[in-house]
N, C-alpha and C. Protein backbone atom coordinates (compact mmCIF):
# COMPACT_ATOMS: atom_id res chain seq x y z
N MET A 1 27.61 -4.75 -43.65
CA MET A 1 28.04 -5.15 -42.36
C MET A 1 26.98 -6.05 -41.68
N GLU A 2 27.38 -7.15 -41.12
CA GLU A 2 26.35 -8.02 -40.47
C GLU A 2 25.95 -7.48 -39.15
N GLY A 3 24.72 -7.73 -38.77
CA GLY A 3 24.16 -7.29 -37.50
C GLY A 3 24.33 -8.27 -36.43
N HIS A 4 23.65 -8.02 -35.32
CA HIS A 4 23.72 -8.79 -34.13
C HIS A 4 23.43 -10.28 -34.36
N ASN A 5 22.40 -10.57 -35.23
CA ASN A 5 22.03 -11.94 -35.44
C ASN A 5 22.73 -12.51 -36.67
N GLY A 6 23.62 -11.76 -37.27
CA GLY A 6 24.41 -12.33 -38.37
C GLY A 6 23.74 -12.17 -39.70
N PHE A 7 22.58 -11.59 -39.81
CA PHE A 7 21.88 -11.49 -41.05
C PHE A 7 21.75 -10.12 -41.67
N GLY A 8 22.39 -9.12 -41.04
CA GLY A 8 22.43 -7.78 -41.57
C GLY A 8 22.25 -6.76 -40.49
N ASN A 9 21.77 -5.57 -40.79
CA ASN A 9 21.72 -4.41 -39.95
C ASN A 9 20.71 -4.66 -38.79
N ASP A 10 21.10 -4.55 -37.54
CA ASP A 10 20.23 -4.69 -36.39
C ASP A 10 19.11 -3.70 -36.43
N GLU A 11 19.43 -2.37 -36.69
CA GLU A 11 18.48 -1.36 -36.64
C GLU A 11 17.38 -1.65 -37.72
N ALA A 12 17.77 -2.01 -38.89
CA ALA A 12 16.78 -2.26 -39.94
C ALA A 12 15.90 -3.44 -39.58
N GLN A 13 16.37 -4.36 -38.76
CA GLN A 13 15.56 -5.48 -38.37
C GLN A 13 14.75 -5.26 -37.09
N GLY A 14 14.83 -4.02 -36.55
CA GLY A 14 14.03 -3.69 -35.37
C GLY A 14 14.66 -4.22 -34.09
N LEU A 15 15.95 -4.50 -34.05
CA LEU A 15 16.60 -5.01 -32.86
C LEU A 15 17.22 -3.86 -32.13
N PRO A 16 17.33 -3.98 -30.76
CA PRO A 16 18.01 -2.97 -29.97
C PRO A 16 19.51 -2.81 -30.44
N ARG A 17 19.97 -1.56 -30.37
CA ARG A 17 21.38 -1.29 -30.77
C ARG A 17 22.10 -0.71 -29.53
N PHE A 18 23.21 -1.40 -29.13
CA PHE A 18 24.06 -0.91 -28.03
C PHE A 18 24.77 0.33 -28.49
N VAL A 19 24.80 1.35 -27.58
CA VAL A 19 25.43 2.57 -27.95
C VAL A 19 26.79 2.78 -27.18
N GLY A 20 26.78 2.45 -25.88
CA GLY A 20 27.96 2.64 -25.05
C GLY A 20 27.72 2.34 -23.62
N GLU A 21 28.80 2.29 -22.83
CA GLU A 21 28.74 1.98 -21.41
C GLU A 21 29.80 2.82 -20.70
N TYR A 22 29.48 3.20 -19.45
CA TYR A 22 30.31 4.02 -18.66
C TYR A 22 30.19 3.55 -17.22
N ALA A 23 31.29 3.39 -16.50
CA ALA A 23 31.21 2.93 -15.13
C ALA A 23 32.20 3.80 -14.27
N ALA A 24 31.76 4.12 -13.04
CA ALA A 24 32.62 4.93 -12.14
C ALA A 24 32.13 4.70 -10.74
N GLU A 25 32.90 5.24 -9.80
CA GLU A 25 32.44 5.15 -8.39
C GLU A 25 31.11 5.91 -8.14
N ALA A 26 30.41 5.51 -7.20
CA ALA A 26 29.17 6.15 -6.77
C ALA A 26 29.45 7.33 -5.82
N SER A 27 29.71 8.47 -6.42
CA SER A 27 29.93 9.71 -5.67
C SER A 27 29.41 10.93 -6.35
N MET A 28 29.14 11.98 -5.62
CA MET A 28 28.68 13.20 -6.20
C MET A 28 29.71 13.76 -7.24
N GLY A 29 30.92 13.52 -6.96
CA GLY A 29 32.05 13.94 -7.81
C GLY A 29 32.08 13.27 -9.19
N SER A 30 31.53 12.12 -9.27
CA SER A 30 31.55 11.34 -10.55
C SER A 30 30.31 11.55 -11.40
N LEU A 31 29.28 12.26 -10.95
CA LEU A 31 28.03 12.39 -11.63
C LEU A 31 28.24 13.05 -13.05
N GLU A 32 29.04 14.06 -13.08
CA GLU A 32 29.25 14.80 -14.37
C GLU A 32 29.72 13.94 -15.48
N GLY A 33 30.61 12.98 -15.13
CA GLY A 33 31.13 12.01 -16.17
C GLY A 33 30.04 11.19 -16.75
N PHE A 34 29.11 10.66 -15.90
CA PHE A 34 28.03 9.90 -16.36
C PHE A 34 27.13 10.69 -17.29
N ILE A 35 26.80 11.91 -16.78
CA ILE A 35 25.87 12.83 -17.51
C ILE A 35 26.42 13.20 -18.86
N GLU A 36 27.70 13.60 -18.87
CA GLU A 36 28.31 13.99 -20.16
C GLU A 36 28.33 12.81 -21.13
N PHE A 37 28.64 11.62 -20.65
CA PHE A 37 28.69 10.45 -21.48
C PHE A 37 27.32 10.20 -22.18
N ALA A 38 26.28 10.16 -21.36
CA ALA A 38 24.94 9.89 -21.92
C ALA A 38 24.45 11.03 -22.77
N CYS A 39 24.73 12.28 -22.40
CA CYS A 39 24.22 13.44 -23.24
C CYS A 39 24.96 13.48 -24.54
N SER A 40 26.20 13.22 -24.55
CA SER A 40 26.94 13.24 -25.86
C SER A 40 26.42 12.17 -26.81
N HIS A 41 26.03 11.03 -26.29
CA HIS A 41 25.51 9.98 -27.13
C HIS A 41 24.07 10.37 -27.56
N ALA A 42 23.28 11.03 -26.69
CA ALA A 42 21.94 11.47 -27.09
C ALA A 42 22.07 12.41 -28.26
N ALA A 43 23.05 13.35 -28.15
CA ALA A 43 23.28 14.31 -29.23
C ALA A 43 23.58 13.62 -30.53
N GLU A 44 24.46 12.60 -30.43
CA GLU A 44 24.84 11.80 -31.60
C GLU A 44 23.62 11.05 -32.23
N GLN A 45 22.65 10.78 -31.43
CA GLN A 45 21.44 10.12 -31.91
C GLN A 45 20.39 11.06 -32.48
N GLY A 46 20.72 12.33 -32.57
CA GLY A 46 19.88 13.28 -33.21
C GLY A 46 18.96 14.09 -32.27
N PHE A 47 19.21 13.97 -30.95
CA PHE A 47 18.43 14.76 -30.01
C PHE A 47 18.78 16.28 -30.20
N THR A 48 17.79 17.11 -30.11
CA THR A 48 18.03 18.54 -30.17
C THR A 48 18.72 19.00 -28.96
N ASP A 49 19.29 20.23 -28.96
CA ASP A 49 19.96 20.78 -27.79
C ASP A 49 19.04 20.90 -26.62
N ASP A 50 17.82 21.29 -26.87
CA ASP A 50 16.83 21.40 -25.77
C ASP A 50 16.52 20.04 -25.18
N ARG A 51 16.43 19.06 -26.03
CA ARG A 51 16.13 17.67 -25.57
C ARG A 51 17.34 17.08 -24.76
N VAL A 52 18.53 17.39 -25.26
CA VAL A 52 19.71 16.97 -24.54
C VAL A 52 19.79 17.58 -23.14
N HIS A 53 19.35 18.82 -23.06
CA HIS A 53 19.28 19.55 -21.75
C HIS A 53 18.31 18.76 -20.84
N GLU A 54 17.17 18.37 -21.38
CA GLU A 54 16.18 17.62 -20.60
C GLU A 54 16.70 16.26 -20.14
N VAL A 55 17.47 15.64 -21.05
CA VAL A 55 18.13 14.37 -20.69
C VAL A 55 19.10 14.61 -19.52
N ARG A 56 19.82 15.66 -19.54
CA ARG A 56 20.78 16.09 -18.49
C ARG A 56 19.99 16.21 -17.18
N ARG A 57 18.80 16.82 -17.20
CA ARG A 57 18.07 17.05 -15.95
C ARG A 57 17.58 15.74 -15.45
N VAL A 58 17.13 14.81 -16.28
CA VAL A 58 16.67 13.48 -15.90
C VAL A 58 17.80 12.71 -15.20
N LEU A 59 18.97 12.74 -15.86
CA LEU A 59 20.10 11.97 -15.33
C LEU A 59 20.66 12.56 -14.05
N THR A 60 20.67 13.91 -13.91
CA THR A 60 21.11 14.54 -12.74
C THR A 60 20.22 14.09 -11.55
N GLU A 61 18.90 14.12 -11.75
CA GLU A 61 18.03 13.73 -10.65
C GLU A 61 18.15 12.23 -10.32
N ALA A 62 18.22 11.43 -11.32
CA ALA A 62 18.37 9.96 -11.06
C ALA A 62 19.65 9.61 -10.36
N LEU A 63 20.73 10.15 -10.87
CA LEU A 63 22.08 9.79 -10.24
C LEU A 63 22.20 10.38 -8.85
N THR A 64 21.69 11.61 -8.62
CA THR A 64 21.74 12.21 -7.32
C THR A 64 20.99 11.39 -6.32
N ASN A 65 19.81 10.88 -6.75
CA ASN A 65 19.03 9.99 -5.80
C ASN A 65 19.79 8.69 -5.55
N ILE A 66 20.42 8.12 -6.55
CA ILE A 66 21.11 6.87 -6.30
C ILE A 66 22.26 7.08 -5.38
N VAL A 67 23.07 8.12 -5.57
CA VAL A 67 24.24 8.35 -4.69
C VAL A 67 23.79 8.74 -3.27
N SER A 68 22.73 9.56 -3.21
CA SER A 68 22.32 10.07 -1.90
C SER A 68 21.61 9.02 -1.09
N PHE A 69 20.76 8.20 -1.64
CA PHE A 69 19.88 7.36 -0.87
C PHE A 69 20.23 5.83 -0.98
N THR A 70 21.07 5.43 -1.86
CA THR A 70 21.35 4.05 -2.06
C THR A 70 22.66 3.65 -1.35
N PHE A 71 23.61 4.57 -1.30
CA PHE A 71 24.91 4.18 -0.79
C PHE A 71 25.21 4.61 0.66
N ASP A 72 24.53 5.62 1.18
CA ASP A 72 24.74 6.05 2.55
C ASP A 72 26.24 6.32 2.80
N ASN A 73 26.90 7.03 1.93
CA ASN A 73 28.28 7.32 2.06
C ASN A 73 29.29 6.10 2.07
N LEU A 74 28.81 4.99 1.58
CA LEU A 74 29.69 3.74 1.54
C LEU A 74 30.16 3.69 0.11
N PRO A 75 31.31 3.07 -0.08
CA PRO A 75 31.84 2.87 -1.47
C PRO A 75 31.00 2.01 -2.32
N GLY A 76 30.97 2.28 -3.62
CA GLY A 76 30.18 1.46 -4.54
C GLY A 76 30.42 1.92 -5.95
N GLU A 77 29.76 1.26 -6.87
CA GLU A 77 29.91 1.58 -8.30
C GLU A 77 28.59 1.68 -8.98
N ILE A 78 28.54 2.59 -9.96
CA ILE A 78 27.38 2.70 -10.83
C ILE A 78 27.86 2.43 -12.26
N LYS A 79 27.04 1.72 -13.02
CA LYS A 79 27.33 1.49 -14.41
C LYS A 79 26.17 2.06 -15.20
N LEU A 80 26.46 2.82 -16.19
CA LEU A 80 25.44 3.40 -17.15
C LEU A 80 25.62 2.76 -18.51
N SER A 81 24.55 2.27 -19.06
CA SER A 81 24.57 1.66 -20.40
C SER A 81 23.53 2.39 -21.22
N CYS A 82 23.86 2.65 -22.50
CA CYS A 82 22.95 3.33 -23.43
C CYS A 82 22.73 2.44 -24.65
N LYS A 83 21.49 2.42 -25.09
CA LYS A 83 21.10 1.72 -26.28
C LYS A 83 19.91 2.42 -26.98
N ILE A 84 19.72 1.98 -28.19
CA ILE A 84 18.56 2.47 -28.90
C ILE A 84 17.63 1.22 -28.98
N ASP A 85 16.41 1.33 -28.55
CA ASP A 85 15.51 0.21 -28.53
C ASP A 85 14.87 -0.04 -29.87
N LYS A 86 14.07 -1.11 -30.05
CA LYS A 86 13.54 -1.46 -31.34
C LYS A 86 12.56 -0.42 -31.88
N PHE A 87 12.13 0.54 -31.05
CA PHE A 87 11.26 1.60 -31.47
C PHE A 87 12.01 2.89 -31.78
N GLY A 88 13.39 2.88 -31.68
CA GLY A 88 14.16 4.03 -31.93
C GLY A 88 14.32 4.97 -30.73
N LYS A 89 13.89 4.58 -29.60
CA LYS A 89 14.02 5.42 -28.38
C LYS A 89 15.34 5.16 -27.69
N TYR A 90 15.84 6.20 -27.05
CA TYR A 90 17.16 6.13 -26.30
C TYR A 90 16.88 5.56 -24.96
N VAL A 91 17.56 4.50 -24.57
CA VAL A 91 17.31 3.80 -23.27
C VAL A 91 18.64 3.89 -22.50
N VAL A 92 18.53 4.48 -21.27
CA VAL A 92 19.66 4.60 -20.39
C VAL A 92 19.39 3.67 -19.19
N ALA A 93 20.28 2.75 -18.95
CA ALA A 93 20.16 1.86 -17.80
C ALA A 93 21.21 2.18 -16.77
N LEU A 94 20.76 2.41 -15.51
CA LEU A 94 21.68 2.73 -14.43
C LEU A 94 21.68 1.50 -13.53
N VAL A 95 22.77 0.90 -13.31
CA VAL A 95 22.87 -0.25 -12.50
C VAL A 95 23.86 0.02 -11.38
N ASP A 96 23.45 -0.14 -10.12
CA ASP A 96 24.33 0.11 -8.99
C ASP A 96 24.43 -0.97 -8.01
N SER A 97 25.49 -0.98 -7.24
CA SER A 97 25.73 -2.04 -6.32
C SER A 97 25.32 -1.69 -4.88
N GLY A 98 24.47 -0.66 -4.73
CA GLY A 98 24.02 -0.24 -3.40
C GLY A 98 22.93 -1.14 -2.86
N LYS A 99 22.42 -0.65 -1.66
CA LYS A 99 21.36 -1.40 -1.01
C LYS A 99 20.04 -1.36 -1.84
N PRO A 100 19.16 -2.25 -1.69
CA PRO A 100 17.94 -2.22 -2.46
C PRO A 100 17.21 -0.90 -2.27
N TYR A 101 16.87 -0.24 -3.40
CA TYR A 101 16.31 1.10 -3.30
C TYR A 101 15.50 1.40 -4.58
N ASN A 102 14.21 1.40 -4.49
CA ASN A 102 13.34 1.72 -5.66
C ASN A 102 12.89 3.18 -5.50
N VAL A 103 13.53 4.08 -6.14
CA VAL A 103 13.19 5.53 -6.01
C VAL A 103 11.77 5.81 -6.50
N LEU A 104 11.26 4.97 -7.34
CA LEU A 104 9.87 5.17 -7.86
C LEU A 104 8.87 4.97 -6.80
N LEU A 105 9.18 4.06 -5.84
CA LEU A 105 8.27 3.80 -4.69
C LEU A 105 8.53 4.84 -3.57
N GLU A 106 9.85 5.16 -3.39
CA GLU A 106 10.17 6.08 -2.24
C GLU A 106 9.54 7.44 -2.49
N ASP A 107 9.47 7.84 -3.76
CA ASP A 107 8.86 9.17 -4.04
C ASP A 107 7.33 9.19 -4.03
N ASP A 108 6.69 8.02 -3.88
CA ASP A 108 5.24 7.95 -3.88
C ASP A 108 4.78 8.49 -2.48
N PRO A 109 3.86 9.42 -2.50
CA PRO A 109 3.42 10.03 -1.21
C PRO A 109 2.75 9.08 -0.26
N PHE A 110 2.23 7.98 -0.78
CA PHE A 110 1.56 6.99 0.10
C PHE A 110 2.48 5.92 0.53
N ILE A 111 3.23 5.36 -0.38
CA ILE A 111 4.14 4.28 -0.04
C ILE A 111 5.42 4.78 0.58
N GLY A 112 6.00 5.81 -0.01
CA GLY A 112 7.29 6.34 0.49
C GLY A 112 7.20 6.99 1.86
N SER A 113 6.03 7.51 2.21
CA SER A 113 5.87 8.14 3.58
C SER A 113 6.01 7.09 4.68
N LEU A 114 5.97 5.82 4.36
CA LEU A 114 6.09 4.76 5.39
C LEU A 114 7.49 4.50 5.77
N GLY A 115 8.42 5.16 5.04
CA GLY A 115 9.87 4.96 5.33
C GLY A 115 10.27 5.38 6.69
N PRO A 116 11.50 5.09 7.13
CA PRO A 116 11.96 5.39 8.48
C PRO A 116 12.19 6.84 8.81
N THR A 117 12.36 7.68 7.82
CA THR A 117 12.69 9.13 8.07
C THR A 117 11.70 10.05 7.28
N PRO A 118 10.45 10.08 7.64
CA PRO A 118 9.53 10.95 6.88
C PRO A 118 9.84 12.43 6.96
N ASP A 119 10.58 12.89 8.03
CA ASP A 119 10.96 14.29 8.17
C ASP A 119 12.24 14.62 7.48
N GLY A 120 13.00 13.62 7.12
CA GLY A 120 14.33 13.86 6.53
C GLY A 120 14.22 14.18 5.03
N PRO A 121 15.32 14.36 4.34
CA PRO A 121 15.28 14.69 2.92
C PRO A 121 14.64 13.51 2.19
N ARG A 122 13.80 13.81 1.17
CA ARG A 122 13.09 12.81 0.42
C ARG A 122 13.64 12.79 -1.01
N PRO A 123 13.63 11.67 -1.61
CA PRO A 123 13.98 11.66 -3.07
C PRO A 123 12.93 12.23 -3.87
N THR A 124 13.22 12.68 -5.07
CA THR A 124 12.21 13.19 -6.02
C THR A 124 12.39 12.57 -7.35
N THR A 125 11.32 12.41 -8.06
CA THR A 125 11.40 11.86 -9.44
C THR A 125 10.70 12.79 -10.40
N LYS A 126 10.40 14.04 -9.96
CA LYS A 126 9.59 14.97 -10.77
C LYS A 126 10.19 15.13 -12.19
N MET A 127 11.53 15.46 -12.29
CA MET A 127 12.12 15.67 -13.61
C MET A 127 12.20 14.37 -14.36
N MET A 128 12.50 13.27 -13.70
CA MET A 128 12.61 11.99 -14.37
C MET A 128 11.31 11.68 -15.05
N LYS A 129 10.23 11.81 -14.35
CA LYS A 129 8.92 11.47 -14.88
C LYS A 129 8.45 12.45 -15.92
N ARG A 130 8.76 13.77 -15.79
CA ARG A 130 8.30 14.80 -16.68
C ARG A 130 8.97 14.62 -18.05
N PHE A 131 10.23 14.27 -18.13
CA PHE A 131 10.97 14.27 -19.41
C PHE A 131 11.32 12.84 -19.98
N SER A 132 10.79 11.83 -19.36
CA SER A 132 10.99 10.45 -19.82
C SER A 132 9.75 9.85 -20.41
N SER A 133 9.89 8.96 -21.30
CA SER A 133 8.80 8.20 -21.88
C SER A 133 8.39 7.06 -20.92
N ASN A 134 9.31 6.46 -20.21
CA ASN A 134 9.07 5.36 -19.32
C ASN A 134 10.22 5.21 -18.38
N ILE A 135 9.92 4.80 -17.13
CA ILE A 135 10.97 4.53 -16.13
C ILE A 135 10.60 3.23 -15.46
N GLU A 136 11.58 2.32 -15.31
CA GLU A 136 11.34 1.06 -14.65
C GLU A 136 12.43 0.78 -13.62
N TYR A 137 12.08 0.07 -12.56
CA TYR A 137 13.04 -0.28 -11.54
C TYR A 137 12.94 -1.80 -11.37
N LYS A 138 14.04 -2.47 -11.17
CA LYS A 138 14.04 -3.86 -10.79
C LYS A 138 15.27 -4.13 -9.95
N ARG A 139 15.23 -5.14 -9.11
CA ARG A 139 16.32 -5.61 -8.29
C ARG A 139 16.69 -6.95 -8.89
N PHE A 140 17.91 -7.07 -9.41
CA PHE A 140 18.33 -8.31 -10.06
C PHE A 140 19.83 -8.55 -9.77
N GLU A 141 20.12 -9.78 -9.36
CA GLU A 141 21.50 -10.23 -9.03
C GLU A 141 22.11 -9.28 -8.05
N ASN A 142 21.42 -8.91 -7.00
CA ASN A 142 21.89 -8.10 -5.89
C ASN A 142 22.27 -6.69 -6.38
N ARG A 143 21.63 -6.15 -7.41
CA ARG A 143 21.91 -4.83 -7.92
C ARG A 143 20.57 -4.14 -8.27
N ASN A 144 20.62 -2.82 -8.11
CA ASN A 144 19.51 -1.97 -8.49
C ASN A 144 19.65 -1.64 -10.00
N HIS A 145 18.53 -1.76 -10.72
CA HIS A 145 18.48 -1.43 -12.16
C HIS A 145 17.42 -0.39 -12.32
N LEU A 146 17.82 0.80 -12.82
CA LEU A 146 16.88 1.90 -13.10
C LEU A 146 16.94 2.07 -14.59
N ILE A 147 15.87 1.83 -15.37
CA ILE A 147 15.92 1.91 -16.83
C ILE A 147 15.02 3.09 -17.25
N ILE A 148 15.62 4.05 -17.92
CA ILE A 148 14.95 5.25 -18.33
C ILE A 148 14.84 5.26 -19.83
N THR A 149 13.68 5.31 -20.36
CA THR A 149 13.42 5.42 -21.80
C THR A 149 13.12 6.83 -22.23
N LEU A 150 13.86 7.35 -23.21
CA LEU A 150 13.75 8.77 -23.59
C LEU A 150 13.44 8.89 -25.10
N ALA A 151 12.30 9.46 -25.40
CA ALA A 151 11.98 9.74 -26.83
C ALA A 151 12.80 10.98 -27.32
N ARG A 152 12.97 11.05 -28.62
CA ARG A 152 13.68 12.20 -29.17
C ARG A 152 12.87 13.52 -28.95
N ASP A 153 11.53 13.38 -28.99
CA ASP A 153 10.66 14.57 -28.87
C ASP A 153 9.50 14.16 -27.96
N MET A 154 9.53 14.70 -26.75
CA MET A 154 8.44 14.39 -25.77
C MET A 154 7.16 15.12 -26.12
N LYS A 155 7.22 16.30 -26.76
CA LYS A 155 6.03 17.10 -27.03
C LYS A 155 5.11 16.37 -28.10
N LYS A 156 5.76 15.71 -28.99
CA LYS A 156 5.02 15.04 -30.06
C LYS A 156 4.77 13.57 -29.73
N GLY A 157 5.55 13.06 -28.75
CA GLY A 157 5.39 11.69 -28.38
C GLY A 157 6.10 10.73 -29.37
N LYS A 158 6.97 11.31 -30.12
CA LYS A 158 7.66 10.47 -31.19
C LYS A 158 9.05 10.19 -30.74
N GLU A 159 9.77 9.39 -31.54
CA GLU A 159 11.10 9.05 -31.22
C GLU A 159 11.88 10.33 -31.38
């Protein structure tokens, strides 16, 4: 079977491999659909049950932050895309149509404390950071992009 570049298997050539995509409204009621979608694909990629549970915790925290702090009870959409990167790690990209919101800065005790509601509920990234290999945020084409890279085994630091 020909790969992405037409010369053979993408994975063998070290190219990223698209796994799947899921989109739904940005609401607390839709979170489980996103989480189940990503966790089922993680299991298909050889993640252990314990690691899939950690992926679940990462996505629960990320999606809860997005819905709670990005949309302010306004309608919107979140799209979740999964791929395997050239190093064999599972990459989950969350793209939303909400207001600009970098949860990685908001959770920083120095930068985030400058926000308008220091006494109100604050976002947290503790689980995301603990169980992820890397987390990136960018604002592109009027959308928030949160990219979470997950190794198969965090204890060994391997895929």
